[in-house]
Amino acid sequence: MNDQPNNPLHGVTLARMVEDLSDYYGWEELGRLIPVRCFTFEPSVSSSLKFLRKTPWAREKVEALYVHTLRLTR
């Protein structure tokens, strides 16, 4: 197993990131921070995961916001 002690995303699933971000910011604010339809129109974790798994640039934005949010809350 490859240990990655300096990688804050190691072991964190995309579903967990979306759930944590939506809990922390709320869907409305999350949609403002990352303006994609899955966050702004009838948002849900399920629809977000479908979109993010197919859209690398949006997933990168979610990952970056998640890392930024981790730093704010520590």
Protein backbone atom coordinates (compact mmCIF):
# COMPACT_ATOMS: atom_id res chain seq x y z
CA MET A 1 0.00 0.00 0.00
CA ASN A 2 1.26 3.45 -0.92
CA ASP A 3 1.10 5.81 2.06
CA GLN A 4 0.49 9.46 1.29
CA PRO A 5 0.76 11.31 4.59
CA ASN A 6 0.93 14.76 2.97
CA ASN A 7 -2.05 14.28 0.65
CA PRO A 8 -5.21 15.67 2.33
CA LEU A 9 -7.40 13.86 -0.22
CA HIS A 10 -5.93 10.42 0.47
CA GLY A 11 -8.72 8.09 1.53
CA VAL A 12 -11.49 10.64 0.98
CA THR A 13 -14.16 9.62 -1.52
CA LEU A 14 -15.77 12.05 -3.93
CA ALA A 15 -19.11 11.35 -2.26
CA ARG A 16 -17.66 12.33 1.11
CA MET A 17 -16.27 15.57 -0.35
CA VAL A 18 -19.63 16.54 -1.86
CA GLU A 19 -21.50 15.66 1.35
CA ASP A 20 -19.06 17.60 3.55
CA LEU A 21 -19.05 20.64 1.27
CA SER A 22 -22.84 20.72 0.96
CA ASP A 23 -23.16 20.39 4.75
CA TYR A 24 -20.60 23.13 5.38
CA TYR A 25 -21.64 25.66 2.72
CA GLY A 26 -25.15 24.60 1.75
CA TRP A 27 -26.13 23.94 -1.86
CA GLU A 28 -26.81 27.59 -2.68
CA GLU A 29 -23.38 28.80 -1.58
CA LEU A 30 -21.69 25.75 -3.11
CA GLY A 31 -23.37 26.61 -6.41
CA ARG A 32 -22.10 30.16 -6.12
CA LEU A 33 -18.54 29.01 -5.40
CA ILE A 34 -18.55 26.37 -8.15
CA PRO A 35 -21.23 27.41 -10.66
CA VAL A 36 -22.25 24.10 -12.19
CA ARG A 37 -25.83 23.00 -12.77
CA CYS A 38 -25.62 19.97 -10.46
CA PHE A 39 -25.11 22.41 -7.54
CA THR A 40 -27.58 25.08 -8.65
CA PHE A 41 -30.60 23.26 -10.10
CA GLU A 42 -32.26 20.57 -7.95
CA PRO A 43 -28.96 19.66 -6.29
CA SER A 44 -28.32 16.25 -4.79
CA VAL A 45 -25.28 14.18 -3.95
CA SER A 46 -26.31 11.59 -6.54
CA SER A 47 -26.64 14.03 -9.45
CA SER A 48 -23.43 15.76 -8.42
CA LEU A 49 -21.47 12.52 -8.39
CA LYS A 50 -22.71 11.58 -11.86
CA PHE A 51 -21.57 14.92 -13.25
CA LEU A 52 -18.28 15.15 -11.37
CA ARG A 53 -17.18 11.65 -12.33
CA LYS A 54 -17.54 12.58 -16.01
CA THR A 55 -16.14 16.12 -15.78
CA PRO A 56 -12.50 16.32 -14.65
CA TRP A 57 -12.31 20.14 -14.51
CA ALA A 58 -15.33 20.33 -12.18
CA ARG A 59 -13.98 17.53 -9.99
CA GLU A 60 -10.68 19.43 -9.66
CA LYS A 61 -12.60 22.50 -8.48
CA VAL A 62 -14.45 20.41 -5.88
CA GLU A 63 -11.20 18.87 -4.66
CA ALA A 64 -9.53 22.28 -4.43
CA LEU A 65 -12.46 23.73 -2.48
CA TYR A 66 -12.45 20.71 -0.18
CA VAL A 67 -8.73 21.13 0.59
CA HIS A 68 -9.23 24.88 1.13
CA THR A 69 -12.15 24.20 3.46
CA LEU A 70 -10.12 21.64 5.43
CA ARG A 71 -7.47 24.27 6.03
CA LEU A 72 -10.08 26.77 7.22
CA THR A 73 -11.63 24.36 9.69
CA ARG A 74 -8.41 23.11 11.28
